[in-house]
N, C-alpha and C. Protein backbone atom coordinates (compact mmCIF):
# COMPACT_ATOMS: atom_id res chain seq x y z
N UNK A 1 19.81 -10.86 -14.23
CA UNK A 1 21.14 -11.32 -13.94
C UNK A 1 21.71 -10.48 -12.78
N UNK A 2 22.39 -11.12 -11.86
CA UNK A 2 23.01 -10.44 -10.72
C UNK A 2 24.45 -10.07 -11.06
N UNK A 3 24.78 -8.80 -10.89
CA UNK A 3 26.14 -8.30 -11.10
C UNK A 3 26.89 -8.43 -9.77
N UNK A 4 27.82 -9.36 -9.68
CA UNK A 4 28.54 -9.63 -8.43
C UNK A 4 29.51 -8.52 -8.06
N UNK A 5 29.72 -7.56 -8.95
CA UNK A 5 30.58 -6.42 -8.64
C UNK A 5 29.84 -5.32 -7.88
N UNK A 6 28.53 -5.46 -7.77
CA UNK A 6 27.72 -4.49 -7.05
C UNK A 6 27.29 -5.08 -5.71
N UNK A 7 27.13 -4.23 -4.72
CA UNK A 7 26.68 -4.67 -3.40
C UNK A 7 25.19 -4.40 -3.24
N UNK A 8 24.53 -5.26 -2.49
CA UNK A 8 23.12 -5.08 -2.18
C UNK A 8 22.94 -3.78 -1.41
N UNK A 9 21.93 -3.03 -1.77
CA UNK A 9 21.54 -1.84 -1.01
C UNK A 9 20.25 -2.22 -0.28
N UNK A 10 20.33 -2.44 1.05
CA UNK A 10 19.13 -2.82 1.79
C UNK A 10 18.11 -1.69 1.80
N UNK A 11 16.85 -2.05 1.59
CA UNK A 11 15.77 -1.07 1.59
C UNK A 11 14.89 -1.26 2.82
N UNK A 12 14.21 -0.21 3.21
CA UNK A 12 13.23 -0.24 4.29
C UNK A 12 11.86 -0.46 3.65
N UNK A 13 11.19 -1.55 4.05
CA UNK A 13 9.94 -1.95 3.40
C UNK A 13 8.83 -2.09 4.45
N UNK A 14 7.67 -1.54 4.13
CA UNK A 14 6.48 -1.69 4.97
C UNK A 14 5.52 -2.66 4.29
N UNK A 15 4.85 -3.47 5.10
CA UNK A 15 3.88 -4.45 4.58
C UNK A 15 2.52 -4.16 5.19
N UNK A 16 1.52 -4.03 4.32
CA UNK A 16 0.15 -3.76 4.75
C UNK A 16 -0.75 -4.89 4.27
N UNK A 17 -1.34 -5.61 5.20
CA UNK A 17 -2.33 -6.63 4.86
C UNK A 17 -3.70 -6.00 4.95
N UNK A 18 -4.48 -6.21 3.90
CA UNK A 18 -5.82 -5.65 3.82
C UNK A 18 -6.81 -6.80 3.90
N UNK A 19 -7.55 -6.85 5.00
CA UNK A 19 -8.46 -7.97 5.20
C UNK A 19 -9.49 -7.63 6.27
N UNK A 20 -10.68 -8.15 6.08
CA UNK A 20 -11.73 -8.01 7.09
C UNK A 20 -11.69 -9.17 8.09
N UNK A 21 -10.88 -10.19 7.81
CA UNK A 21 -10.92 -11.38 8.66
C UNK A 21 -9.57 -11.84 9.18
N UNK A 22 -8.48 -11.44 8.57
CA UNK A 22 -7.17 -11.94 9.00
C UNK A 22 -6.67 -11.23 10.25
N UNK A 23 -5.89 -12.00 11.02
CA UNK A 23 -5.23 -11.47 12.21
C UNK A 23 -3.73 -11.73 12.04
N UNK A 24 -2.92 -11.19 12.94
CA UNK A 24 -1.47 -11.44 12.87
C UNK A 24 -1.17 -12.94 12.93
N UNK A 25 -1.99 -13.69 13.64
CA UNK A 25 -1.75 -15.12 13.79
C UNK A 25 -1.97 -15.89 12.49
N UNK A 26 -2.95 -15.50 11.69
CA UNK A 26 -3.26 -16.28 10.48
C UNK A 26 -3.00 -15.51 9.17
N UNK A 27 -2.22 -14.47 9.23
CA UNK A 27 -1.90 -13.67 8.05
C UNK A 27 -0.74 -14.30 7.28
N UNK A 28 -1.04 -15.34 6.50
CA UNK A 28 0.00 -16.06 5.76
C UNK A 28 0.71 -15.18 4.73
N UNK A 29 -0.05 -14.37 4.02
CA UNK A 29 0.55 -13.54 2.97
C UNK A 29 1.48 -12.48 3.54
N UNK A 30 1.04 -11.79 4.58
CA UNK A 30 1.89 -10.79 5.21
C UNK A 30 3.16 -11.40 5.77
N UNK A 31 3.01 -12.56 6.44
CA UNK A 31 4.19 -13.25 6.99
C UNK A 31 5.14 -13.68 5.89
N UNK A 32 4.59 -14.18 4.78
CA UNK A 32 5.43 -14.60 3.66
C UNK A 32 6.25 -13.43 3.13
N UNK A 33 5.60 -12.29 2.95
CA UNK A 33 6.31 -11.11 2.44
C UNK A 33 7.40 -10.65 3.40
N UNK A 34 7.10 -10.64 4.69
CA UNK A 34 8.09 -10.24 5.69
C UNK A 34 9.29 -11.18 5.66
N UNK A 35 9.02 -12.48 5.61
CA UNK A 35 10.10 -13.46 5.56
C UNK A 35 10.95 -13.26 4.31
N UNK A 36 10.30 -13.12 3.16
CA UNK A 36 11.03 -12.98 1.89
C UNK A 36 11.87 -11.71 1.86
N UNK A 37 11.32 -10.59 2.32
CA UNK A 37 12.08 -9.35 2.25
C UNK A 37 13.28 -9.39 3.17
N UNK A 38 13.12 -10.02 4.34
CA UNK A 38 14.26 -10.14 5.25
C UNK A 38 15.32 -11.09 4.70
N UNK A 39 14.89 -12.20 4.11
CA UNK A 39 15.83 -13.14 3.49
C UNK A 39 16.62 -12.47 2.37
N UNK A 40 16.00 -11.51 1.70
CA UNK A 40 16.66 -10.80 0.61
C UNK A 40 17.64 -9.74 1.11
N UNK A 41 17.66 -9.49 2.43
CA UNK A 41 18.59 -8.52 3.00
C UNK A 41 17.99 -7.16 3.26
N UNK A 42 16.68 -7.02 3.10
CA UNK A 42 16.02 -5.75 3.37
C UNK A 42 15.52 -5.72 4.81
N UNK A 43 15.05 -4.57 5.26
CA UNK A 43 14.53 -4.47 6.63
C UNK A 43 13.04 -4.14 6.61
N UNK A 44 12.36 -4.66 7.62
CA UNK A 44 10.94 -4.38 7.78
C UNK A 44 10.79 -3.08 8.55
N UNK A 45 10.16 -2.11 7.94
CA UNK A 45 9.92 -0.81 8.58
C UNK A 45 8.72 -0.92 9.52
N UNK A 46 7.64 -1.53 9.00
CA UNK A 46 6.42 -1.68 9.78
C UNK A 46 5.53 -2.68 9.07
N UNK A 47 4.71 -3.39 9.84
CA UNK A 47 3.71 -4.30 9.28
C UNK A 47 2.43 -4.10 10.05
N UNK A 48 1.33 -3.99 9.32
CA UNK A 48 0.04 -3.82 9.98
C UNK A 48 -1.06 -4.44 9.13
N UNK A 49 -2.22 -4.60 9.75
CA UNK A 49 -3.40 -5.12 9.07
C UNK A 49 -4.50 -4.07 9.22
N UNK A 50 -5.18 -3.77 8.10
CA UNK A 50 -6.34 -2.89 8.16
C UNK A 50 -7.51 -3.56 7.45
N UNK A 51 -8.71 -3.11 7.76
CA UNK A 51 -9.91 -3.64 7.11
C UNK A 51 -9.92 -3.24 5.64
N UNK A 52 -10.69 -3.99 4.86
CA UNK A 52 -10.82 -3.72 3.44
C UNK A 52 -11.75 -2.51 3.26
N UNK A 53 -11.22 -1.35 3.59
CA UNK A 53 -11.94 -0.09 3.55
C UNK A 53 -11.02 0.95 2.92
N UNK A 54 -11.46 1.57 1.83
CA UNK A 54 -10.54 2.44 1.10
C UNK A 54 -9.96 3.56 1.95
N UNK A 55 -10.71 4.04 2.92
CA UNK A 55 -10.21 5.16 3.73
C UNK A 55 -9.16 4.70 4.74
N UNK A 56 -9.33 3.52 5.31
CA UNK A 56 -8.31 2.98 6.22
C UNK A 56 -7.04 2.64 5.45
N UNK A 57 -7.20 2.05 4.27
CA UNK A 57 -6.04 1.72 3.42
C UNK A 57 -5.31 3.00 3.06
N UNK A 58 -6.06 3.97 2.55
CA UNK A 58 -5.46 5.22 2.10
C UNK A 58 -4.78 5.96 3.25
N UNK A 59 -5.37 5.94 4.43
CA UNK A 59 -4.78 6.63 5.59
C UNK A 59 -3.43 6.02 5.96
N UNK A 60 -3.37 4.69 5.99
CA UNK A 60 -2.11 4.02 6.34
C UNK A 60 -1.05 4.27 5.29
N UNK A 61 -1.39 4.06 4.03
CA UNK A 61 -0.42 4.27 2.96
C UNK A 61 0.01 5.73 2.92
N UNK A 62 -0.93 6.65 3.09
CA UNK A 62 -0.60 8.09 3.09
C UNK A 62 0.39 8.43 4.20
N UNK A 63 0.14 7.87 5.38
CA UNK A 63 1.06 8.14 6.51
C UNK A 63 2.47 7.68 6.16
N UNK A 64 2.58 6.49 5.61
CA UNK A 64 3.91 5.97 5.25
C UNK A 64 4.57 6.80 4.16
N UNK A 65 3.77 7.25 3.19
CA UNK A 65 4.31 8.08 2.11
C UNK A 65 4.84 9.40 2.66
N UNK A 66 4.07 10.02 3.53
CA UNK A 66 4.46 11.32 4.09
C UNK A 66 5.70 11.17 4.97
N UNK A 67 5.74 10.11 5.79
CA UNK A 67 6.87 9.90 6.68
C UNK A 67 8.14 9.57 5.92
N UNK A 68 8.01 9.00 4.75
CA UNK A 68 9.13 8.57 3.91
C UNK A 68 10.08 7.64 4.65
N UNK A 69 9.58 6.93 5.65
CA UNK A 69 10.42 5.96 6.35
C UNK A 69 10.55 4.69 5.52
N UNK A 70 9.45 4.13 5.01
CA UNK A 70 9.67 3.02 4.10
C UNK A 70 9.99 3.56 2.71
N UNK A 71 10.95 2.91 2.06
CA UNK A 71 11.25 3.25 0.67
C UNK A 71 10.31 2.49 -0.26
N UNK A 72 9.73 1.41 0.30
CA UNK A 72 8.82 0.55 -0.47
C UNK A 72 7.66 0.16 0.43
N UNK A 73 6.46 0.15 -0.14
CA UNK A 73 5.27 -0.34 0.54
C UNK A 73 4.71 -1.49 -0.29
N UNK A 74 4.44 -2.61 0.38
CA UNK A 74 3.81 -3.74 -0.31
C UNK A 74 2.50 -4.02 0.41
N UNK A 75 1.40 -3.96 -0.36
CA UNK A 75 0.11 -4.31 0.21
C UNK A 75 -0.30 -5.68 -0.31
N UNK A 76 -1.07 -6.39 0.50
CA UNK A 76 -1.61 -7.68 0.07
C UNK A 76 -3.09 -7.72 0.43
N UNK A 77 -3.91 -8.00 -0.57
CA UNK A 77 -5.35 -8.08 -0.38
C UNK A 77 -6.10 -6.92 -0.99
N UNK A 78 -7.37 -7.16 -1.29
CA UNK A 78 -8.24 -6.11 -1.78
C UNK A 78 -8.09 -5.75 -3.24
N UNK A 79 -7.43 -6.61 -4.03
CA UNK A 79 -7.22 -6.28 -5.45
C UNK A 79 -8.17 -7.03 -6.38
N UNK A 80 -9.15 -7.71 -5.82
CA UNK A 80 -10.10 -8.46 -6.64
C UNK A 80 -11.22 -7.56 -7.16
N UNK A 81 -12.34 -8.18 -7.51
CA UNK A 81 -13.43 -7.43 -8.12
C UNK A 81 -14.71 -7.40 -7.28
N UNK A 82 -14.67 -7.91 -6.05
CA UNK A 82 -15.88 -7.89 -5.24
C UNK A 82 -16.13 -6.49 -4.67
N UNK A 83 -17.28 -6.32 -4.10
CA UNK A 83 -17.66 -5.01 -3.56
C UNK A 83 -16.73 -4.50 -2.48
N UNK A 84 -16.11 -5.39 -1.72
CA UNK A 84 -15.22 -4.96 -0.62
C UNK A 84 -13.77 -4.77 -1.09
N UNK A 85 -13.44 -5.17 -2.30
CA UNK A 85 -12.07 -5.03 -2.81
C UNK A 85 -11.84 -3.59 -3.26
N UNK A 86 -11.05 -2.84 -2.49
CA UNK A 86 -10.87 -1.43 -2.80
C UNK A 86 -9.45 -0.92 -2.78
N UNK A 87 -8.47 -1.83 -2.77
CA UNK A 87 -7.08 -1.37 -2.68
C UNK A 87 -6.68 -0.48 -3.85
N UNK A 88 -6.94 -0.86 -5.11
CA UNK A 88 -6.55 0.05 -6.20
C UNK A 88 -7.22 1.42 -6.10
N UNK A 89 -8.49 1.45 -5.70
CA UNK A 89 -9.19 2.72 -5.56
C UNK A 89 -8.60 3.56 -4.43
N UNK A 90 -8.10 2.91 -3.40
CA UNK A 90 -7.48 3.62 -2.27
C UNK A 90 -6.10 4.16 -2.63
N UNK A 91 -5.34 3.40 -3.38
CA UNK A 91 -3.93 3.74 -3.62
C UNK A 91 -3.71 4.57 -4.88
N UNK A 92 -4.41 4.28 -5.96
CA UNK A 92 -4.12 4.97 -7.23
C UNK A 92 -4.21 6.49 -7.14
N UNK A 93 -5.15 7.07 -6.40
CA UNK A 93 -5.17 8.54 -6.30
C UNK A 93 -3.92 9.12 -5.63
N UNK A 94 -3.19 8.31 -4.89
CA UNK A 94 -1.99 8.78 -4.19
C UNK A 94 -0.76 8.74 -5.09
N UNK A 95 -0.82 8.01 -6.18
CA UNK A 95 0.36 7.79 -7.02
C UNK A 95 0.72 9.01 -7.85
N UNK A 96 2.01 9.30 -7.91
CA UNK A 96 2.53 10.30 -8.84
C UNK A 96 2.70 9.67 -10.22
N UNK A 97 3.11 8.42 -10.22
CA UNK A 97 3.29 7.66 -11.46
C UNK A 97 2.86 6.22 -11.23
N UNK A 98 2.17 5.66 -12.19
CA UNK A 98 1.80 4.25 -12.14
C UNK A 98 2.83 3.45 -12.92
N UNK A 99 3.20 2.30 -12.38
CA UNK A 99 4.10 1.38 -13.09
C UNK A 99 3.22 0.31 -13.72
N UNK A 100 2.68 0.63 -14.88
CA UNK A 100 1.69 -0.23 -15.51
C UNK A 100 2.24 -1.62 -15.84
N UNK A 101 3.50 -1.69 -16.17
CA UNK A 101 4.09 -2.98 -16.53
C UNK A 101 4.05 -4.00 -15.40
N UNK A 102 4.00 -3.52 -14.15
CA UNK A 102 3.97 -4.47 -13.04
C UNK A 102 2.70 -5.30 -13.08
N UNK A 103 1.54 -4.66 -13.16
CA UNK A 103 0.28 -5.40 -13.20
C UNK A 103 0.20 -6.32 -14.40
N UNK A 104 0.68 -5.81 -15.53
CA UNK A 104 0.66 -6.62 -16.75
C UNK A 104 1.53 -7.86 -16.59
N UNK A 105 2.75 -7.67 -16.11
CA UNK A 105 3.67 -8.81 -15.93
C UNK A 105 3.17 -9.77 -14.85
N UNK A 106 2.60 -9.22 -13.79
CA UNK A 106 2.07 -10.09 -12.74
C UNK A 106 1.01 -11.01 -13.31
N UNK A 107 0.12 -10.48 -14.10
CA UNK A 107 -0.95 -11.31 -14.66
C UNK A 107 -0.40 -12.34 -15.65
N UNK A 108 0.61 -11.98 -16.41
CA UNK A 108 1.23 -12.94 -17.32
C UNK A 108 1.83 -14.10 -16.52
N UNK A 109 2.59 -13.78 -15.49
CA UNK A 109 3.21 -14.82 -14.67
C UNK A 109 2.17 -15.63 -13.92
N UNK A 110 1.14 -14.98 -13.45
CA UNK A 110 0.08 -15.63 -12.71
C UNK A 110 -0.71 -16.59 -13.60
N UNK A 111 -0.79 -16.28 -14.87
CA UNK A 111 -1.50 -17.14 -15.82
C UNK A 111 -0.91 -18.55 -15.83
N UNK A 112 0.42 -18.63 -15.64
CA UNK A 112 1.09 -19.93 -15.61
C UNK A 112 0.58 -20.80 -14.46
N UNK A 113 0.16 -20.18 -13.38
CA UNK A 113 -0.28 -20.89 -12.19
C UNK A 113 -1.79 -21.08 -12.13
N UNK A 114 -2.53 -20.00 -12.40
CA UNK A 114 -3.99 -20.07 -12.20
C UNK A 114 -4.80 -19.89 -13.47
N UNK A 115 -4.14 -19.83 -14.61
CA UNK A 115 -4.86 -19.73 -15.87
C UNK A 115 -5.63 -18.42 -16.00
N UNK A 116 -6.79 -18.52 -16.62
CA UNK A 116 -7.56 -17.30 -16.90
C UNK A 116 -8.11 -16.62 -15.65
N UNK A 117 -8.06 -17.28 -14.51
CA UNK A 117 -8.50 -16.64 -13.27
C UNK A 117 -7.67 -15.40 -12.95
N UNK A 118 -6.52 -15.28 -13.57
CA UNK A 118 -5.66 -14.12 -13.32
C UNK A 118 -6.31 -12.81 -13.76
N UNK A 119 -7.28 -12.87 -14.66
CA UNK A 119 -7.92 -11.63 -15.09
C UNK A 119 -8.72 -10.97 -13.98
N UNK A 120 -8.98 -11.70 -12.89
CA UNK A 120 -9.70 -11.14 -11.75
C UNK A 120 -8.80 -10.28 -10.87
N UNK A 121 -7.49 -10.32 -11.11
CA UNK A 121 -6.55 -9.56 -10.29
C UNK A 121 -6.37 -8.15 -10.83
N UNK A 122 -6.42 -7.19 -9.92
CA UNK A 122 -6.14 -5.80 -10.27
C UNK A 122 -4.84 -5.34 -9.61
N UNK A 123 -3.88 -6.27 -9.53
CA UNK A 123 -2.57 -5.93 -8.96
C UNK A 123 -2.01 -4.72 -9.70
N UNK A 124 -1.38 -3.83 -8.94
CA UNK A 124 -0.87 -2.61 -9.53
C UNK A 124 0.36 -2.14 -8.76
N UNK A 125 1.06 -1.18 -9.31
CA UNK A 125 2.23 -0.61 -8.64
C UNK A 125 2.43 0.81 -9.12
N UNK A 126 3.19 1.56 -8.34
CA UNK A 126 3.49 2.93 -8.72
C UNK A 126 4.46 3.58 -7.75
N UNK A 127 4.60 4.89 -7.92
CA UNK A 127 5.49 5.69 -7.09
C UNK A 127 4.70 6.86 -6.53
N UNK A 128 4.84 7.11 -5.23
CA UNK A 128 4.20 8.24 -4.57
C UNK A 128 5.20 8.89 -3.62
N UNK A 129 5.50 10.15 -3.84
CA UNK A 129 6.43 10.90 -2.99
C UNK A 129 7.74 10.15 -2.77
N UNK A 130 8.26 9.57 -3.85
CA UNK A 130 9.54 8.87 -3.78
C UNK A 130 9.48 7.48 -3.18
N UNK A 131 8.29 6.96 -2.94
CA UNK A 131 8.10 5.64 -2.34
C UNK A 131 7.48 4.70 -3.37
N UNK A 132 8.08 3.54 -3.55
CA UNK A 132 7.49 2.53 -4.43
C UNK A 132 6.35 1.83 -3.69
N UNK A 133 5.25 1.59 -4.40
CA UNK A 133 4.11 0.89 -3.82
C UNK A 133 3.71 -0.25 -4.75
N UNK A 134 3.59 -1.45 -4.18
CA UNK A 134 3.14 -2.63 -4.92
C UNK A 134 1.88 -3.14 -4.23
N UNK A 135 0.80 -3.29 -4.99
CA UNK A 135 -0.47 -3.79 -4.45
C UNK A 135 -0.71 -5.18 -5.01
N UNK A 136 -0.67 -6.18 -4.12
CA UNK A 136 -0.75 -7.58 -4.52
C UNK A 136 -2.07 -8.19 -4.06
N UNK A 137 -2.48 -9.27 -4.71
CA UNK A 137 -3.64 -10.02 -4.22
C UNK A 137 -3.37 -10.58 -2.82
N UNK A 138 -4.42 -11.07 -2.19
CA UNK A 138 -4.31 -11.56 -0.82
C UNK A 138 -3.83 -12.98 -0.66
N UNK A 139 -3.77 -13.75 -1.72
CA UNK A 139 -3.35 -15.15 -1.57
C UNK A 139 -1.83 -15.24 -1.40
N UNK A 140 -1.40 -16.17 -0.58
CA UNK A 140 0.04 -16.32 -0.35
C UNK A 140 0.75 -16.78 -1.63
N UNK A 141 0.06 -17.55 -2.46
CA UNK A 141 0.65 -17.97 -3.74
C UNK A 141 0.92 -16.79 -4.65
N UNK A 142 -0.03 -15.87 -4.71
CA UNK A 142 0.14 -14.67 -5.53
C UNK A 142 1.27 -13.81 -4.98
N UNK A 143 1.36 -13.69 -3.66
CA UNK A 143 2.43 -12.90 -3.05
C UNK A 143 3.79 -13.53 -3.32
N UNK A 144 3.86 -14.86 -3.22
CA UNK A 144 5.12 -15.56 -3.51
C UNK A 144 5.53 -15.33 -4.96
N UNK A 145 4.59 -15.49 -5.89
CA UNK A 145 4.90 -15.27 -7.30
C UNK A 145 5.37 -13.84 -7.55
N UNK A 146 4.65 -12.86 -7.00
CA UNK A 146 5.01 -11.46 -7.21
C UNK A 146 6.39 -11.15 -6.64
N UNK A 147 6.66 -11.62 -5.42
CA UNK A 147 7.97 -11.35 -4.82
C UNK A 147 9.08 -12.09 -5.57
N UNK A 148 8.90 -13.40 -5.74
CA UNK A 148 9.96 -14.23 -6.30
C UNK A 148 10.27 -13.91 -7.76
N UNK A 149 9.26 -13.58 -8.54
CA UNK A 149 9.45 -13.43 -9.98
C UNK A 149 9.55 -11.99 -10.47
N UNK A 150 9.15 -11.03 -9.64
CA UNK A 150 9.17 -9.63 -10.08
C UNK A 150 9.83 -8.69 -9.08
N UNK A 151 9.23 -8.57 -7.92
CA UNK A 151 9.63 -7.53 -6.97
C UNK A 151 11.05 -7.72 -6.47
N UNK A 152 11.41 -8.94 -6.07
CA UNK A 152 12.74 -9.15 -5.48
C UNK A 152 13.85 -8.74 -6.43
N UNK A 153 13.68 -8.99 -7.72
CA UNK A 153 14.72 -8.63 -8.68
C UNK A 153 14.80 -7.11 -8.87
N UNK A 154 13.65 -6.47 -8.92
CA UNK A 154 13.65 -5.02 -9.13
C UNK A 154 14.07 -4.24 -7.88
N UNK A 155 13.99 -4.88 -6.71
CA UNK A 155 14.45 -4.24 -5.47
C UNK A 155 15.87 -4.68 -5.10
N UNK A 156 16.58 -5.25 -6.04
CA UNK A 156 17.96 -5.67 -5.83
C UNK A 156 18.87 -4.83 -6.72
N UNK A 157 19.68 -3.98 -6.10
CA UNK A 157 20.57 -3.08 -6.82
C UNK A 157 21.53 -3.83 -7.74
N UNK A 158 21.79 -5.08 -7.43
CA UNK A 158 22.72 -5.87 -8.23
C UNK A 158 22.09 -6.41 -9.51
N UNK A 159 20.77 -6.33 -9.62
CA UNK A 159 20.07 -6.87 -10.79
C UNK A 159 20.37 -6.02 -12.02
N UNK A 160 20.74 -6.68 -13.11
CA UNK A 160 21.04 -6.00 -14.37
C UNK A 160 20.13 -6.52 -15.46
N UNK A 161 19.77 -5.75 -16.44
CA UNK A 161 20.46 -4.53 -16.84
C UNK A 161 20.04 -3.29 -16.05
N UNK A 162 18.90 -3.35 -15.36
CA UNK A 162 18.50 -2.19 -14.57
C UNK A 162 17.54 -2.66 -13.47
N UNK A 163 17.28 -1.76 -12.53
CA UNK A 163 16.42 -2.09 -11.40
C UNK A 163 15.82 -0.80 -10.85
N UNK A 164 14.82 -0.95 -10.00
CA UNK A 164 14.16 0.22 -9.43
C UNK A 164 15.00 0.92 -8.36
N UNK A 165 15.92 0.19 -7.72
CA UNK A 165 16.72 0.78 -6.65
C UNK A 165 17.59 1.92 -7.16
N UNK A 166 18.20 1.73 -8.32
CA UNK A 166 19.09 2.77 -8.83
C UNK A 166 18.35 4.04 -9.23
N UNK A 167 17.03 3.96 -9.31
CA UNK A 167 16.23 5.15 -9.63
C UNK A 167 15.78 5.92 -8.40
N UNK A 168 15.91 5.35 -7.22
CA UNK A 168 15.43 6.01 -5.99
C UNK A 168 15.95 7.43 -5.84
N UNK A 169 17.24 7.72 -6.08
CA UNK A 169 17.71 9.10 -5.91
C UNK A 169 17.04 10.09 -6.86
N UNK A 170 16.40 9.60 -7.92
CA UNK A 170 15.81 10.49 -8.92
C UNK A 170 14.28 10.55 -8.86
N UNK A 171 13.68 9.83 -7.94
CA UNK A 171 12.21 9.76 -7.91
C UNK A 171 11.54 11.08 -7.58
N UNK A 172 12.21 11.94 -6.85
CA UNK A 172 11.60 13.22 -6.45
C UNK A 172 12.03 14.39 -7.34
N UNK A 173 12.71 14.08 -8.46
CA UNK A 173 13.08 15.14 -9.39
C UNK A 173 11.83 15.83 -9.94
N UNK A 174 11.91 17.11 -10.15
CA UNK A 174 10.81 17.86 -10.76
C UNK A 174 11.32 18.65 -11.93
């Protein structure tokens, strides 16, 4: 539920497409995420494409985490079970905390669309150095579902009863 007494707090979001074959011209999932985040009132910090290689993924995500310029990182691609799918292996070692409910809820929602094929997704999320990270599958349908049904609400300060935005000032507490 949106609390109309609260104002949107725009966030800086980076989008990382992980693919061995996509280019800026045909990156439907990355474009979808950029469009959706801007429509929601957030700003794009940076968007890039890297190969499905755990070291390239980890290097890019690490740079963004260290810079702390994006408050949120959304990756698309590399969450399947094939030999080249390595996004969870690249990102999980960087996380201070895993948000296990995200992957669980994503698969529940995805089941409505793709049935039991959702078990092939290793979508995950967490927090690293005060930055939220969401790792999504590479299909534009999966990205739309994740943004529309989960991420957009949790990245909206007006969402009640609670949201991830109001926790940002406390993410680096020790």
